[in-house]
C-alpha cells in the first residue's frame, strides 16, 4: 500500500504539467490506480498512477468510461481503479458548493450542493455531489439529512469512490444526540449503506451492541463487497487493545489487499487501534500517518 502511494508524490508534481498541457477546453481529470500486474514486475519501481483528461461518459459500480482528450477515443476501466476525479465544466452552483466544502464551511456547502443537485447534472455527477452533501450534512450537525442522502445514493449501484466517501465514523469519539437519534431510527434501514453509516455512529454510544450486530451482518454480505470490506474495518473499533495487538500483521495484510480507493477510512481506524495497542505498534501507526499525510489515495474530509 505504502509503495503504491509513494507514486502519488510524483503524480502531484506532474499535475502542474497537466494543467498547462491540457487545451483550453474544460475537461475532467481522472486518477487511476495502477492495473494489477499479471506477472513479475518489469523493474524495481512500482507502477505509477495513471492520469487521464477528457469527458467522463459513464461511472457506476463496475465500470468507468472516459473519452480521452488526447485521441477522442472511449476507454473503459474497472470502477474500483478510479481514485479521484476533478470534474470540469461545473456550473456556478456546483462550483460554489465544492469550494465551500474544500474550505470546510460544511453548513454553507450543504445548501449550495443541494441547490446544485436541482440542476440535474449527469448521474455520476449527481452521485458526486450527493456524497459531498452527505458528508457536509453530518459534519454540520444534520445527521438525518446525511442518512437520507446516503439512502438516495444507495438506490443506484454506487461507484467504489462514492462508497469510500460515505460519512462513516472511522474513529472513536463522542456521539452527538442528534446523530444518535438519527442513527437509532435507521439502524434497520433497507439500505446497506445507511446501516453501515448508522452503525458506525452508534459504536461510541449506549447502542454499541446493536451496532456491532449490524456491522457483523454487513461484513458477511457477499452481494455488497465494498460495504462488507468497510464494515470489517469499522468492526476493528470493537476489538480490545490486547486482541488487536495479536492480530496486527493480519490486519496489515487485509489493509494492503483492499482496493486503494477504499483505504483512507480503514487506515484511519488502523492508526487509532495501533496507537492503543502498545508501544511496539506506534512505529507502524506513524508510518501509516505519514503515508496518509504525504500520499493520500484521494482527498477526504477526515484528512
Protein backbone atom coordinates (compact mmCIF):
# COMPACT_ATOMS: atom_id res chain seq x y z
CA UNK A 1 0.00 0.00 0.00
CA UNK A 2 2.69 2.46 1.05
CA UNK A 3 4.80 1.66 -2.01
CA UNK A 4 1.86 2.29 -4.31
CA UNK A 5 1.02 5.55 -2.60
CA UNK A 6 4.56 6.85 -2.87
CA UNK A 7 3.93 7.25 -6.57
CA UNK A 8 1.39 9.93 -5.72
CA UNK A 9 4.20 12.33 -4.88
CA UNK A 10 5.39 12.26 -8.49
CA UNK A 11 1.76 12.42 -9.61
CA UNK A 12 1.18 15.62 -7.65
CA UNK A 13 4.27 17.14 -9.16
CA UNK A 14 3.10 16.12 -12.63
CA UNK A 15 -0.29 17.72 -12.11
CA UNK A 16 1.15 21.13 -12.68
CA UNK A 17 2.38 19.95 -16.06
CA UNK A 18 -1.05 18.55 -16.92
CA UNK A 19 -2.78 21.79 -16.08
CA UNK A 20 -0.54 23.51 -18.61
CA UNK A 21 -0.69 20.85 -21.34
CA UNK A 22 -4.47 20.41 -21.41
CA UNK A 23 -6.21 22.52 -24.01
CA UNK A 24 -8.42 25.46 -23.18
CA UNK A 25 -11.49 23.24 -23.43
CA UNK A 26 -12.73 22.22 -19.97
CA UNK A 27 -12.04 18.54 -19.28
CA UNK A 28 -12.48 16.10 -16.43
CA UNK A 29 -9.23 14.86 -14.88
CA UNK A 30 -9.08 11.32 -13.54
CA UNK A 31 -6.58 9.45 -11.35
CA UNK A 32 -6.49 5.65 -11.78
CA UNK A 33 -4.89 3.06 -9.53
CA UNK A 34 -2.23 1.07 -11.40
CA UNK A 35 -3.62 -2.04 -13.06
CA UNK A 36 -2.69 -5.19 -11.09
CA UNK A 37 0.29 -6.88 -12.70
CA UNK A 38 -0.32 -10.37 -14.09
CA UNK A 39 3.34 -11.34 -13.86
CA UNK A 40 6.66 -10.36 -12.34
CA UNK A 41 7.37 -6.60 -12.11
CA UNK A 42 9.39 -5.35 -15.09
CA UNK A 43 11.55 -3.07 -12.98
CA UNK A 44 12.46 -2.01 -9.48
CA UNK A 45 9.90 0.84 -9.33
CA UNK A 46 6.20 0.07 -8.81
CA UNK A 47 3.70 1.07 -11.47
CA UNK A 48 2.69 4.71 -11.49
CA UNK A 49 -0.81 6.05 -11.06
CA UNK A 50 -2.38 6.79 -14.43
CA UNK A 51 -3.82 10.24 -15.09
CA UNK A 52 -6.28 10.93 -17.88
CA UNK A 53 -8.08 14.01 -19.13
CA UNK A 54 -11.26 14.02 -21.15
CA UNK A 55 -15.02 13.69 -20.81
CA UNK A 56 -16.45 11.16 -18.34
CA UNK A 57 -19.08 9.11 -20.18
CA UNK A 58 -20.04 6.56 -17.53
CA UNK A 59 -19.17 5.85 -13.91
CA UNK A 60 -21.09 3.21 -11.99
CA UNK A 61 -20.41 0.38 -9.55
CA UNK A 62 -18.45 -1.73 -12.03
CA UNK A 63 -17.23 0.39 -14.92
CA UNK A 64 -15.71 3.77 -15.68
CA UNK A 65 -15.63 5.11 -19.24
CA UNK A 66 -13.94 8.28 -20.47
CA UNK A 67 -13.49 9.85 -23.89
CA UNK A 68 -9.87 10.91 -23.66
CA UNK A 69 -8.82 14.35 -24.83
CA UNK A 70 -5.65 13.09 -26.48
CA UNK A 71 -7.32 10.94 -29.15
CA UNK A 72 -11.09 11.28 -28.58
CA UNK A 73 -11.32 7.51 -28.06
CA UNK A 74 -13.53 5.94 -25.40
CA UNK A 75 -11.63 3.90 -22.84
CA UNK A 76 -13.18 1.79 -20.10
CA UNK A 77 -11.70 0.65 -16.77
CA UNK A 78 -12.82 -1.20 -13.66
CA UNK A 79 -14.62 1.32 -11.44
CA UNK A 80 -12.54 0.40 -8.40
CA UNK A 81 -9.43 1.76 -10.13
CA UNK A 82 -10.82 5.32 -10.04
CA UNK A 83 -9.12 7.12 -7.16
CA UNK A 84 -10.38 10.64 -7.83
CA UNK A 85 -11.98 12.86 -10.43
CA UNK A 86 -11.64 16.60 -10.79
CA UNK A 87 -14.85 17.40 -12.64
CA UNK A 88 -14.73 20.30 -15.03
CA UNK A 89 -17.50 22.20 -16.78
CA UNK A 90 -19.07 22.86 -13.40
CA UNK A 91 -21.95 25.28 -13.16
CA UNK A 92 -21.86 28.21 -10.76
CA UNK A 93 -23.82 26.36 -8.04
CA UNK A 94 -21.69 23.22 -8.25
CA UNK A 95 -18.51 25.26 -8.11
CA UNK A 96 -19.73 27.20 -5.07
CA UNK A 97 -20.74 24.03 -3.18
CA UNK A 98 -17.42 22.34 -3.90
CA UNK A 99 -15.34 25.38 -2.93
CA UNK A 100 -17.22 25.83 0.34
CA UNK A 101 -16.70 22.15 1.13
CA UNK A 102 -12.98 22.42 0.48
CA UNK A 103 -12.92 25.41 2.86
CA UNK A 104 -14.67 23.18 5.45
CA UNK A 105 -17.65 25.52 5.57
CA UNK A 106 -19.92 22.50 5.75
CA UNK A 107 -23.13 24.27 6.70
CA UNK A 108 -22.98 26.64 3.73
CA UNK A 109 -21.65 23.91 1.47
CA UNK A 110 -24.59 21.59 2.21
CA UNK A 111 -27.20 24.03 0.95
CA UNK A 112 -25.12 25.01 -2.08
CA UNK A 113 -24.67 21.34 -3.02
CA UNK A 114 -28.37 20.56 -2.57
CA UNK A 115 -29.14 23.56 -4.76
CA UNK A 116 -26.72 22.29 -7.39
CA UNK A 117 -28.44 18.88 -7.43
CA UNK A 118 -31.63 20.58 -8.61
CA UNK A 119 -29.86 21.29 -11.90
CA UNK A 120 -29.98 17.55 -12.66
CA UNK A 121 -26.38 17.02 -13.83
CA UNK A 122 -25.37 13.59 -15.23
CA UNK A 123 -25.98 10.63 -12.89
CA UNK A 124 -22.33 10.19 -11.96
CA UNK A 125 -22.09 13.90 -11.14
CA UNK A 126 -25.28 13.70 -9.04
CA UNK A 127 -23.65 10.90 -7.04
CA UNK A 128 -20.50 13.00 -6.69
CA UNK A 129 -22.41 15.99 -5.36
CA UNK A 130 -24.57 13.79 -3.09
CA UNK A 131 -21.57 12.09 -1.47
CA UNK A 132 -20.12 15.52 -0.64
CA UNK A 133 -23.52 16.76 0.59
CA UNK A 134 -23.89 13.73 2.90
CA UNK A 135 -20.51 14.47 4.46
CA UNK A 136 -21.38 18.17 4.78
CA UNK A 137 -24.71 17.34 6.44
CA UNK A 138 -23.13 15.04 9.01
CA UNK A 139 -20.33 17.48 9.80
CA UNK A 140 -22.73 20.39 10.21
CA UNK A 141 -24.98 18.57 12.69
CA UNK A 142 -27.71 17.48 10.26
CA UNK A 143 -27.39 13.74 10.57
CA UNK A 144 -30.95 12.97 9.44
CA UNK A 145 -30.27 14.74 6.17
CA UNK A 146 -26.96 12.88 5.86
CA UNK A 147 -28.65 9.49 6.20
CA UNK A 148 -31.39 10.44 3.77
CA UNK A 149 -28.78 11.45 1.21
CA UNK A 150 -26.98 8.14 1.74
CA UNK A 151 -30.28 6.34 1.23
CA UNK A 152 -30.88 8.19 -2.03
CA UNK A 153 -27.33 7.46 -3.16
CA UNK A 154 -27.79 3.76 -2.47
CA UNK A 155 -30.82 3.47 -4.76
CA UNK A 156 -28.37 3.06 -7.63
CA UNK A 157 -25.25 0.89 -7.74
CA UNK A 158 -22.56 3.00 -6.10
CA UNK A 159 -19.11 3.60 -7.60
CA UNK A 160 -16.45 2.48 -5.09
CA UNK A 161 -15.26 6.10 -4.75
CA UNK A 162 -18.72 7.19 -3.58
CA UNK A 163 -18.79 4.26 -1.14
CA UNK A 164 -15.38 5.32 0.22
CA UNK A 165 -16.78 8.80 0.89
CA UNK A 166 -19.80 7.68 2.92
CA UNK A 167 -19.98 9.65 6.22
CA UNK A 168 -18.68 6.76 8.31
CA UNK A 169 -17.24 7.33 11.79
CA UNK A 170 -13.81 5.77 11.36
CA UNK A 171 -12.55 6.77 14.78
CA UNK A 172 -13.99 6.69 18.26
CA UNK A 173 -15.50 9.83 19.70
CA UNK A 174 -18.48 11.37 21.41
CA UNK A 175 -21.77 10.88 19.58
CA UNK A 176 -23.95 13.98 19.43
CA UNK A 177 -27.57 13.47 20.44
CA UNK A 178 -28.96 14.34 17.01
CA UNK A 179 -26.62 11.81 15.35
CA UNK A 180 -27.58 9.16 17.91
CA UNK A 181 -31.30 9.73 17.33
CA UNK A 182 -30.93 9.70 13.54
CA UNK A 183 -28.82 6.53 13.59
CA UNK A 184 -31.16 4.73 16.00
CA UNK A 185 -34.12 5.44 13.74
CA UNK A 186 -32.39 3.94 10.68
CA UNK A 187 -30.20 1.14 12.07
CA UNK A 188 -32.56 -1.37 10.38
CA UNK A 189 -32.90 0.58 7.14
CA UNK A 190 -33.27 -1.45 3.91
CA UNK A 191 -30.16 0.30 2.54
CA UNK A 192 -26.89 -1.44 3.39
CA UNK A 193 -25.04 1.86 3.08
CA UNK A 194 -27.39 3.53 5.58
CA UNK A 195 -26.97 0.65 8.04
CA UNK A 196 -23.19 0.87 7.69
CA UNK A 197 -23.11 4.60 8.39
CA UNK A 198 -25.67 4.48 11.22
CA UNK A 199 -23.95 1.59 12.99
CA UNK A 200 -20.55 3.31 12.76
CA UNK A 201 -22.03 6.31 14.58
CA UNK A 202 -23.59 4.11 17.27
CA UNK A 203 -20.40 2.22 18.13
CA UNK A 204 -19.49 5.00 20.57
CA UNK A 205 -22.94 5.03 22.18
CA UNK A 206 -25.09 3.01 24.52
CA UNK A 207 -26.36 1.09 21.45
CA UNK A 208 -22.93 -0.40 20.78
CA UNK A 209 -24.23 -3.98 20.92
CA UNK A 210 -26.84 -3.37 18.21
CA UNK A 211 -24.29 -1.54 16.08
CA UNK A 212 -21.85 -4.43 16.39
CA UNK A 213 -24.53 -6.93 15.40
CA UNK A 214 -25.44 -4.87 12.32
CA UNK A 215 -21.82 -4.48 11.26
CA UNK A 216 -21.20 -8.21 11.68
CA UNK A 217 -24.09 -8.94 9.32
CA UNK A 218 -22.85 -6.40 6.78
CA UNK A 219 -19.37 -7.91 6.87
CA UNK A 220 -20.83 -11.17 5.56
CA UNK A 221 -22.78 -9.56 2.70
CA UNK A 222 -21.38 -11.15 -0.45
CA UNK A 223 -23.67 -9.02 -2.62
CA UNK A 224 -22.03 -5.78 -1.48
CA UNK A 225 -18.27 -6.47 -1.33
CA UNK A 226 -17.24 -2.82 -0.79
CA UNK A 227 -19.76 -2.38 2.03
CA UNK A 228 -18.62 -5.69 3.55
CA UNK A 229 -14.97 -4.64 3.40
CA UNK A 230 -15.64 -1.29 5.09
CA UNK A 231 -17.84 -2.91 7.76
CA UNK A 232 -14.99 -5.28 8.55
CA UNK A 233 -12.67 -2.39 9.30
CA UNK A 234 -15.25 -0.41 11.29
CA UNK A 235 -15.55 -3.50 13.50
CA UNK A 236 -11.89 -3.07 14.45
CA UNK A 237 -13.15 -0.42 16.83
CA UNK A 238 -14.77 -3.16 18.90
CA UNK A 239 -11.56 -5.15 19.49
CA UNK A 240 -9.70 -4.77 22.75
CA UNK A 241 -6.10 -3.47 22.51
CA UNK A 242 -4.83 -6.87 23.63
CA UNK A 243 -6.72 -8.79 20.94
CA UNK A 244 -5.83 -6.31 18.22
CA UNK A 245 -2.17 -6.37 19.20
CA UNK A 246 -2.08 -10.11 18.49
CA UNK A 247 -3.67 -9.59 15.07
CA UNK A 248 -1.72 -6.58 13.76
CA UNK A 249 0.07 -8.47 10.99
CA UNK A 250 -3.18 -10.00 9.77
CA UNK A 251 -4.90 -6.59 9.62
CA UNK A 252 -1.98 -5.01 7.80
CA UNK A 253 -2.34 -7.70 5.15
CA UNK A 254 -6.09 -7.07 4.97
CA UNK A 255 -5.48 -3.36 4.50
CA UNK A 256 -2.90 -3.92 1.77
CA UNK A 257 -5.32 -6.19 -0.13
CA UNK A 258 -8.08 -3.57 -0.01
CA UNK A 259 -8.56 -1.55 -3.22
CA UNK A 260 -6.65 1.71 -2.85
CA UNK A 261 -9.80 3.78 -3.36
CA UNK A 262 -11.29 2.31 -0.15
CA UNK A 263 -8.19 2.61 2.03
CA UNK A 264 -8.44 6.05 3.65
CA UNK A 265 -11.10 5.25 6.26
CA UNK A 266 -9.72 1.80 7.18
CA UNK A 267 -6.24 3.30 7.51
CA UNK A 268 -7.54 5.89 9.98
CA UNK A 269 -9.11 3.12 12.05
CA UNK A 270 -5.89 1.12 11.91
CA UNK A 271 -3.88 4.11 13.13
CA UNK A 272 -6.19 4.64 16.10
CA UNK A 273 -6.09 0.95 17.07
CA UNK A 274 -2.31 0.70 16.63
CA UNK A 275 -1.75 3.65 18.95
CA UNK A 276 -3.85 1.94 21.60
CA UNK A 277 -2.22 -1.47 21.17
CA UNK A 278 1.08 -0.82 22.90
CA UNK A 279 4.39 0.91 22.22
CA UNK A 280 5.57 -1.84 19.86
CA UNK A 281 2.94 -0.75 17.34
CA UNK A 282 3.46 3.01 17.49
CA UNK A 283 6.08 2.93 14.73
CA UNK A 284 3.61 1.23 12.37
CA UNK A 285 0.99 3.85 13.21
CA UNK A 286 3.44 6.66 12.46
CA UNK A 287 4.33 5.14 9.08
CA UNK A 288 0.65 4.93 8.14
CA UNK A 289 0.07 8.51 9.31
CA UNK A 290 2.99 9.74 7.22
CA UNK A 291 1.70 7.83 4.22
CA UNK A 292 -1.76 9.38 4.51
CA UNK A 293 -0.35 12.86 5.01
CA UNK A 294 2.12 12.78 2.12
CA UNK A 295 0.48 10.41 -0.37
CA UNK A 296 -3.26 10.01 0.27
CA UNK A 297 -5.14 7.89 -2.30
CA UNK A 298 -7.54 10.82 -2.70
CA UNK A 299 -8.79 13.92 -0.85
CA UNK A 300 -11.02 13.08 2.12
CA UNK A 301 -12.62 15.29 4.79
CA UNK A 302 -11.05 13.19 7.56
CA UNK A 303 -7.56 14.14 6.39
